[in-house]
Amino acid sequence: MTDNEKSSVIRARSIVENYSGPEIRIMEVCGTHTHEIFRLGIRSILPDNIQLISGPGCPVCVTPMSYIDEAVYLALEKNAIICTFGDLVRVPGSEMSMWQARGKGGTIKTVYSPVDAVKIAGKNPDREVVFLAVGFETTTPGACIALEKAVKEGITNFSLLTANKTMRNAYIQLKTSADAYMYPGHVSTMTGMGVYRELARDYGISGAVTGFTASEIITALATIIKKLGEGKPFAENCYPRVVTEEGSRPSRVIVNRVMEPCDAEWRGLGVIHDSGMRLKEEYSSYDARKKFSIPEMNGVTSPGCRCGEILLGQIKPYDCPLYGKVCTPEHPVGACMVSGEGTCSAYYKYGKLNFIK
């Protein structure tokens, strides 16, 4: 870091620490931001009139319970090999998690890439293999690449169970929950700044993109404070070393070849118009819901779990009666405690049972 950069960070910290204006609410919508803000101790320097709200930026946390029920159904009723990223394995469904389904004879494999699932399908031609495609703009291209690989190699025993989502319409749905967003750095590398310019121009939604170091997060907070004071909607890029105006056009081309927008259910937010991504009709034979004629699942949330309200920023984790008692990382009841990016997980890891601003 140069001397000029150090001076800029010092000025930014001063703006944050000495802010004395009206209360402002800033929602970070990235699970990694939530954890880094805790880990770096940034909450400890905030005055009482700056409120950080942890929003629905964890893909596992916003995945509806009915999706877990679908995966369990495929594992136990259809004898499919389920391939998934690790965070999803212990998320509770209406009756059981995939971890528990494994104990009942289901084949659940943790993979590091969707392409790994295609390889497993190639090695097991007598079994159906389903990859659980969960995530935002950052991970969706990987699922599309895997699908195209399966098509190219003639691997027909591979399919996707999709729960991919895009953030744009969620920002619109949540616009009254915060005065400004701290936009996610990873997602923004894909989308570019254009979507945020549109949100500011057409919907009056403000925010700043930032990275994950202490200096980047504090700079973004200071930028938000200053721009809110000007009274006009804004979209600022505080992560220019990674995020560009255009984003990753090749990634969007790949996704648009394979998928199309659809309405999607978000845990806590309900159904949001055109916020999901589904396979196009020409790839329907690789769509697990169609391939296996999965019956409609109406996930039943555990009594007392308030993950939905936490994801909306309406309550803090410690306001949930289950938090730290029957719901812990070792024995999670809700998705927000299971995921490594979950808000409850962050509060528990860094604050234990203490009340944190």
Protein backbone atom coordinates (compact mmCIF):
# COMPACT_ATOMS: atom_id res chain seq x y z
CA MET A 1 0.00 0.00 0.00
CA THR A 2 1.42 3.39 -1.02
CA ASP A 3 1.59 6.38 1.30
CA ASN A 4 -1.28 8.00 -0.59
CA GLU A 5 -3.39 4.85 -0.20
CA LYS A 6 -2.62 4.73 3.53
CA SER A 7 -3.66 8.36 3.89
CA SER A 8 -6.91 7.64 2.04
CA VAL A 9 -7.74 4.77 4.38
CA ILE A 10 -6.98 6.91 7.44
CA ARG A 11 -9.33 9.61 6.14
CA ALA A 12 -11.99 7.00 5.40
CA ARG A 13 -11.76 5.58 8.92
CA SER A 14 -12.07 9.06 10.36
CA ILE A 15 -15.24 9.67 8.32
CA VAL A 16 -16.75 6.44 9.64
CA GLU A 17 -15.72 6.81 13.28
CA ASN A 18 -16.71 10.47 13.54
CA TYR A 19 -20.02 10.31 11.68
CA SER A 20 -22.59 12.32 13.67
CA GLY A 21 -25.48 12.64 11.21
CA PRO A 22 -28.85 10.89 11.18
CA GLU A 23 -28.99 7.12 11.56
CA ILE A 24 -28.13 5.23 8.40
CA ARG A 25 -28.74 1.58 7.61
CA ILE A 26 -26.25 -0.21 5.36
CA MET A 27 -27.02 -3.74 4.20
CA GLU A 28 -24.14 -6.00 3.21
CA VAL A 29 -25.50 -8.64 0.85
CA CYS A 30 -22.53 -10.98 0.75
CA GLY A 31 -21.96 -13.69 3.31
CA THR A 32 -18.19 -13.25 3.00
CA HIS A 33 -18.57 -9.54 3.79
CA THR A 34 -20.61 -10.44 6.89
CA HIS A 35 -17.87 -12.74 8.19
CA GLU A 36 -14.99 -10.41 7.28
CA ILE A 37 -16.66 -7.43 8.96
CA PHE A 38 -16.82 -9.51 12.14
CA ARG A 39 -13.36 -11.04 11.79
CA LEU A 40 -11.70 -7.68 11.14
CA GLY A 41 -13.46 -6.01 14.08
CA ILE A 42 -15.03 -3.34 11.89
CA ARG A 43 -18.26 -3.28 13.89
CA SER A 44 -16.27 -2.11 16.92
CA ILE A 45 -15.39 1.23 15.29
CA LEU A 46 -18.90 2.07 14.14
CA PRO A 47 -20.80 4.82 15.96
CA ASP A 48 -24.29 4.01 17.21
CA ASN A 49 -25.92 5.85 14.30
CA ILE A 50 -24.49 3.49 11.68
CA GLN A 51 -26.35 0.20 11.54
CA LEU A 52 -25.04 -2.73 9.53
CA ILE A 53 -27.70 -5.18 8.36
CA SER A 54 -26.73 -8.63 7.15
CA GLY A 55 -28.90 -9.32 4.10
CA PRO A 56 -29.68 -12.35 1.92
CA GLY A 57 -26.26 -12.75 0.31
CA CYS A 58 -25.63 -16.36 1.31
CA PRO A 59 -26.86 -18.69 -1.47
CA VAL A 60 -27.32 -21.64 0.85
CA CYS A 61 -29.32 -19.53 3.31
CA VAL A 62 -31.84 -18.28 0.75
CA THR A 63 -32.36 -21.71 -0.81
CA PRO A 64 -35.87 -22.83 0.19
CA MET A 65 -36.42 -25.91 2.32
CA SER A 66 -38.44 -27.50 -0.50
CA TYR A 67 -35.21 -27.69 -2.53
CA ILE A 68 -33.55 -29.82 0.17
CA ASP A 69 -36.65 -32.02 0.15
CA GLU A 70 -36.27 -32.48 -3.62
CA ALA A 71 -32.63 -33.50 -3.23
CA VAL A 72 -33.48 -35.99 -0.48
CA TYR A 73 -36.27 -37.41 -2.67
CA LEU A 74 -33.84 -37.97 -5.54
CA ALA A 75 -31.32 -39.65 -3.26
CA LEU A 76 -33.72 -41.98 -1.45
CA GLU A 77 -36.59 -42.52 -3.89
CA LYS A 78 -34.73 -42.41 -7.22
CA ASN A 79 -31.38 -43.80 -6.01
CA ALA A 80 -29.56 -40.93 -7.70
CA ILE A 81 -26.02 -39.97 -6.80
CA ILE A 82 -26.30 -36.44 -5.42
CA CYS A 83 -23.29 -34.19 -5.95
CA THR A 84 -23.14 -30.94 -4.02
CA PHE A 85 -20.91 -28.34 -2.44
CA GLY A 86 -20.25 -29.03 1.22
CA ASP A 87 -22.32 -26.28 2.85
CA LEU A 88 -25.57 -27.73 1.55
CA VAL A 89 -25.17 -31.20 3.03
CA ARG A 90 -26.26 -30.32 6.58
CA VAL A 91 -29.04 -27.85 5.74
CA PRO A 92 -32.25 -29.23 7.28
CA GLY A 93 -35.15 -30.22 5.03
CA SER A 94 -38.72 -30.73 6.17
CA GLU A 95 -37.89 -34.22 7.46
CA MET A 96 -34.13 -34.60 7.12
CA SER A 97 -30.94 -33.13 5.73
CA MET A 98 -28.85 -34.74 3.03
CA TRP A 99 -26.43 -35.71 5.78
CA GLN A 100 -29.22 -37.71 7.40
CA ALA A 101 -30.32 -39.08 4.01
CA ARG A 102 -26.79 -40.43 3.60
CA GLY A 103 -27.29 -42.35 6.85
CA LYS A 104 -30.42 -43.90 5.34
CA GLY A 105 -28.53 -45.21 2.33
CA GLY A 106 -28.53 -42.19 0.04
CA THR A 107 -25.40 -41.52 -2.00
CA ILE A 108 -24.34 -37.92 -1.30
CA LYS A 109 -20.98 -36.81 -2.64
CA THR A 110 -19.26 -33.50 -1.87
CA VAL A 111 -17.54 -32.04 -4.93
CA TYR A 112 -15.39 -28.97 -5.52
CA SER A 113 -16.64 -28.23 -9.02
CA PRO A 114 -19.75 -29.04 -11.09
CA VAL A 115 -17.43 -30.66 -13.61
CA ASP A 116 -16.51 -33.22 -10.94
CA ALA A 117 -20.14 -34.37 -11.02
CA VAL A 118 -19.93 -34.90 -14.78
CA LYS A 119 -16.84 -37.05 -14.25
CA ILE A 120 -18.67 -39.09 -11.62
CA ALA A 121 -21.54 -39.62 -14.08
CA GLY A 122 -19.06 -40.80 -16.72
CA LYS A 123 -17.61 -43.35 -14.31
CA ASN A 124 -21.05 -44.58 -13.17
CA PRO A 125 -23.08 -45.08 -16.37
CA ASP A 126 -25.63 -47.27 -14.55
CA ARG A 127 -26.54 -44.57 -12.00
CA GLU A 128 -28.18 -41.18 -12.43
CA VAL A 129 -26.05 -38.31 -11.16
CA VAL A 130 -27.60 -35.00 -10.10
CA PHE A 131 -25.60 -31.87 -9.35
CA LEU A 132 -27.25 -29.40 -6.97
CA ALA A 133 -26.84 -26.10 -8.81
CA VAL A 134 -27.16 -23.48 -6.07
CA GLY A 135 -25.69 -20.00 -6.12
CA PHE A 136 -25.67 -16.51 -7.54
CA GLU A 137 -24.04 -15.05 -10.65
CA THR A 138 -20.58 -16.16 -9.48
CA THR A 139 -21.22 -19.92 -9.51
CA THR A 140 -23.93 -20.29 -12.16
CA PRO A 141 -21.44 -20.28 -15.09
CA GLY A 142 -19.72 -23.35 -13.62
CA ALA A 143 -22.96 -25.34 -13.67
CA CYS A 144 -23.55 -24.30 -17.30
CA ILE A 145 -20.03 -25.33 -18.30
CA ALA A 146 -20.58 -28.73 -16.67
CA LEU A 147 -23.84 -29.20 -18.54
CA GLU A 148 -22.28 -28.36 -21.89
CA LYS A 149 -19.46 -30.79 -21.13
CA ALA A 150 -21.97 -33.57 -20.45
CA VAL A 151 -23.82 -32.82 -23.69
CA LYS A 152 -20.60 -32.74 -25.71
CA GLU A 153 -19.40 -36.05 -24.25
CA GLY A 154 -22.79 -37.75 -24.62
CA ILE A 155 -23.20 -38.31 -20.88
CA THR A 156 -26.96 -38.65 -20.52
CA ASN A 157 -27.11 -39.85 -16.91
CA PHE A 158 -26.23 -36.36 -15.65
CA SER A 159 -28.69 -33.63 -14.69
CA LEU A 160 -28.98 -30.39 -12.74
CA LEU A 161 -31.38 -29.58 -9.91
CA THR A 162 -31.36 -25.81 -10.27
CA ALA A 163 -31.75 -23.16 -7.58
CA ASN A 164 -29.56 -20.53 -9.22
CA LYS A 165 -30.46 -16.93 -8.48
CA THR A 166 -29.63 -13.40 -9.61
CA MET A 167 -29.46 -10.47 -7.21
CA ARG A 168 -30.96 -7.58 -9.19
CA ASN A 169 -34.63 -8.05 -8.32
CA ALA A 170 -33.81 -8.91 -4.71
CA TYR A 171 -32.25 -5.46 -4.34
CA ILE A 172 -35.49 -3.95 -5.61
CA GLN A 173 -37.59 -6.10 -3.26
CA LEU A 174 -35.49 -5.05 -0.27
CA LYS A 175 -35.02 -1.37 -1.14
CA THR A 176 -36.88 -0.13 1.93
CA SER A 177 -34.82 -2.31 4.28
CA ALA A 178 -31.70 -0.15 4.05
CA ASP A 179 -30.50 3.28 2.99
CA ALA A 180 -27.72 1.79 0.89
CA TYR A 181 -26.24 -1.54 -0.06
CA MET A 182 -22.69 -2.78 0.26
CA TYR A 183 -22.69 -4.69 -3.01
CA PRO A 184 -20.88 -8.06 -3.20
CA GLY A 185 -17.44 -8.06 -4.77
CA HIS A 186 -17.55 -11.59 -6.21
CA VAL A 187 -20.94 -11.22 -7.88
CA SER A 188 -19.95 -7.81 -9.23
CA THR A 189 -17.00 -9.28 -11.11
CA MET A 190 -19.61 -11.08 -13.21
CA THR A 191 -22.30 -8.43 -13.50
CA GLY A 192 -20.12 -5.34 -13.74
CA MET A 193 -21.33 -1.94 -12.58
CA GLY A 194 -24.11 -1.58 -15.16
CA VAL A 195 -26.79 -3.23 -13.01
CA TYR A 196 -26.04 -0.87 -10.12
CA ARG A 197 -26.13 2.20 -12.36
CA GLU A 198 -29.57 1.06 -13.52
CA LEU A 199 -30.78 0.53 -9.95
CA ALA A 200 -29.66 4.03 -8.98
CA ARG A 201 -31.11 5.67 -12.09
CA ASP A 202 -34.44 3.84 -12.35
CA TYR A 203 -35.23 2.80 -8.77
CA GLY A 204 -33.39 5.29 -6.55
CA ILE A 205 -31.34 2.47 -5.00
CA SER A 206 -27.88 3.38 -3.72
CA GLY A 207 -24.81 1.32 -2.94
CA ALA A 208 -21.08 0.74 -3.28
CA VAL A 209 -19.21 -2.34 -4.48
CA THR A 210 -16.31 -3.35 -2.27
CA GLY A 211 -13.71 -6.03 -1.74
CA PHE A 212 -12.86 -7.95 1.40
CA THR A 213 -9.87 -6.30 3.08
CA ALA A 214 -10.26 -3.93 6.02
CA SER A 215 -9.16 -0.95 3.93
CA GLU A 216 -11.63 -1.79 1.13
CA ILE A 217 -14.58 -2.24 3.46
CA ILE A 218 -13.85 0.93 5.45
CA THR A 219 -13.40 2.89 2.22
CA ALA A 220 -16.79 1.65 1.00
CA LEU A 221 -18.46 2.62 4.29
CA ALA A 222 -16.95 6.11 4.12
CA THR A 223 -18.02 6.46 0.49
CA ILE A 224 -21.59 5.45 1.33
CA ILE A 225 -21.72 7.94 4.21
CA LYS A 226 -20.47 10.80 2.03
CA LYS A 227 -22.72 10.00 -0.93
CA LEU A 228 -25.82 9.60 1.24
CA GLY A 229 -25.10 13.08 2.56
CA GLU A 230 -25.38 14.44 -0.97
CA GLY A 231 -28.97 13.23 -1.18
CA LYS A 232 -28.85 11.61 -4.64
CA PRO A 233 -28.99 7.91 -5.60
CA PHE A 234 -25.54 6.55 -6.40
CA ALA A 235 -23.58 3.50 -7.55
CA GLU A 236 -19.90 3.60 -6.58
CA ASN A 237 -17.11 1.16 -7.40
CA CYS A 238 -14.76 0.83 -4.42
CA TYR A 239 -13.26 -2.37 -5.82
CA PRO A 240 -11.86 -1.16 -9.16
CA ARG A 241 -8.87 -3.51 -9.12
CA VAL A 242 -11.29 -6.37 -9.76
CA VAL A 243 -14.72 -5.02 -10.77
CA THR A 244 -15.16 -3.35 -14.16
CA GLU A 245 -18.03 -1.55 -15.84
CA GLU A 246 -18.79 -4.46 -18.17
CA GLY A 247 -18.09 -7.39 -15.85
CA SER A 248 -17.46 -10.83 -17.31
CA ARG A 249 -19.18 -10.90 -20.67
CA PRO A 250 -17.94 -14.44 -21.52
CA SER A 251 -19.54 -15.80 -18.34
CA ARG A 252 -22.86 -14.17 -19.15
CA VAL A 253 -22.73 -15.58 -22.70
CA ILE A 254 -22.25 -19.10 -21.32
CA VAL A 255 -25.17 -18.73 -18.90
CA ASN A 256 -27.47 -17.24 -21.54
CA ARG A 257 -26.77 -20.18 -23.86
CA VAL A 258 -28.03 -22.67 -21.33
CA MET A 259 -30.39 -20.88 -18.96
CA GLU A 260 -33.20 -18.34 -18.89
CA PRO A 261 -34.77 -16.21 -16.13
CA CYS A 262 -37.68 -17.52 -14.08
CA ASP A 263 -39.53 -16.66 -10.88
CA ALA A 264 -37.77 -18.10 -7.85
CA GLU A 265 -38.55 -18.69 -4.19
CA TRP A 266 -36.13 -17.16 -1.67
CA ARG A 267 -36.19 -18.30 1.92
CA GLY A 268 -37.62 -15.39 3.90
CA LEU A 269 -38.43 -13.25 0.88
CA GLY A 270 -40.98 -15.43 -0.91
CA VAL A 271 -41.16 -15.60 -4.69
CA ILE A 272 -39.29 -12.86 -6.54
CA HIS A 273 -40.08 -12.29 -10.21
CA ASP A 274 -37.35 -13.29 -12.69
CA SER A 275 -34.79 -13.76 -9.92
CA GLY A 276 -34.02 -17.38 -10.72
CA MET A 277 -32.38 -19.22 -13.59
CA ARG A 278 -33.72 -22.41 -15.15
CA LEU A 279 -32.54 -24.60 -18.00
CA LYS A 280 -33.84 -23.72 -21.43
CA GLU A 281 -36.27 -26.14 -23.07
CA GLU A 282 -33.63 -27.61 -25.37
CA TYR A 283 -31.82 -28.87 -22.25
CA SER A 284 -34.94 -30.28 -20.57
CA SER A 285 -33.53 -33.82 -20.63
CA TYR A 286 -30.86 -32.54 -18.22
CA ASP A 287 -33.38 -30.87 -15.91
CA ALA A 288 -33.73 -33.12 -12.86
CA ARG A 289 -37.25 -31.90 -12.04
CA LYS A 290 -38.50 -32.92 -15.48
CA LYS A 291 -36.33 -35.99 -15.84
CA PHE A 292 -37.57 -37.55 -12.61
CA SER A 293 -41.04 -35.94 -12.51
CA ILE A 294 -40.34 -34.64 -9.01
CA PRO A 295 -43.62 -34.02 -7.18
CA GLU A 296 -44.28 -30.54 -5.80
CA MET A 297 -42.57 -30.05 -2.46
CA ASN A 298 -43.96 -27.64 0.14
CA GLY A 299 -41.11 -27.34 2.60
CA VAL A 300 -42.15 -27.09 6.25
CA THR A 301 -39.93 -24.80 8.32
CA SER A 302 -38.85 -25.91 11.78
CA PRO A 303 -41.07 -24.33 14.47
CA GLY A 304 -39.40 -21.32 16.08
CA CYS A 305 -36.76 -20.87 13.36
CA ARG A 306 -36.62 -17.21 12.30
CA CYS A 307 -34.08 -17.43 9.48
CA GLY A 308 -36.46 -15.64 7.15
CA GLU A 309 -36.62 -12.54 9.34
CA ILE A 310 -32.86 -12.61 9.85
CA LEU A 311 -32.29 -12.71 6.09
CA LEU A 312 -34.53 -9.67 5.71
CA GLY A 313 -32.57 -7.80 8.36
CA GLN A 314 -35.70 -7.48 10.51
CA ILE A 315 -34.13 -9.15 13.55
CA LYS A 316 -30.67 -10.11 14.75
CA PRO A 317 -29.74 -13.76 15.28
CA TYR A 318 -29.86 -13.39 19.06
CA ASP A 319 -33.54 -12.39 18.74
CA CYS A 320 -34.35 -15.92 17.56
CA PRO A 321 -35.39 -18.14 20.49
CA LEU A 322 -33.44 -21.09 19.05
CA TYR A 323 -30.11 -19.28 18.54
CA GLY A 324 -27.32 -20.65 20.72
CA LYS A 325 -29.70 -23.02 22.49
CA VAL A 326 -31.04 -25.75 20.25
CA CYS A 327 -29.53 -24.14 17.12
CA THR A 328 -25.72 -24.19 17.05
CA PRO A 329 -23.14 -24.91 14.31
CA GLU A 330 -22.85 -28.45 15.67
CA HIS A 331 -26.64 -28.95 15.64
CA PRO A 332 -28.11 -26.38 13.22
CA VAL A 333 -31.84 -25.91 12.90
CA GLY A 334 -31.80 -23.20 10.24
CA ALA A 335 -29.76 -22.61 7.10
CA CYS A 336 -28.28 -19.37 8.48
CA MET A 337 -26.42 -21.40 11.12
CA VAL A 338 -25.33 -24.19 8.76
CA SER A 339 -23.62 -22.23 6.03
CA GLY A 340 -20.09 -20.95 6.39
CA GLU A 341 -21.42 -17.66 5.01
CA GLY A 342 -24.56 -17.55 7.16
CA THR A 343 -25.38 -14.61 9.43
CA CYS A 344 -26.14 -16.79 12.47
CA SER A 345 -22.91 -18.68 11.91
CA ALA A 346 -20.97 -15.39 11.88
CA TYR A 347 -22.63 -14.09 15.03
CA TYR A 348 -22.00 -17.37 16.82
CA LYS A 349 -18.39 -17.70 15.67
CA TYR A 350 -17.29 -14.17 16.43
CA GLY A 351 -19.71 -13.07 19.13
CA LYS A 352 -20.85 -16.35 20.65
CA LEU A 353 -23.96 -15.46 22.62
CA ASN A 354 -23.05 -11.81 23.18
CA PHE A 355 -25.24 -9.11 21.75
CA ILE A 356 -23.40 -7.48 18.85
CA LYS A 357 -24.30 -4.15 17.34
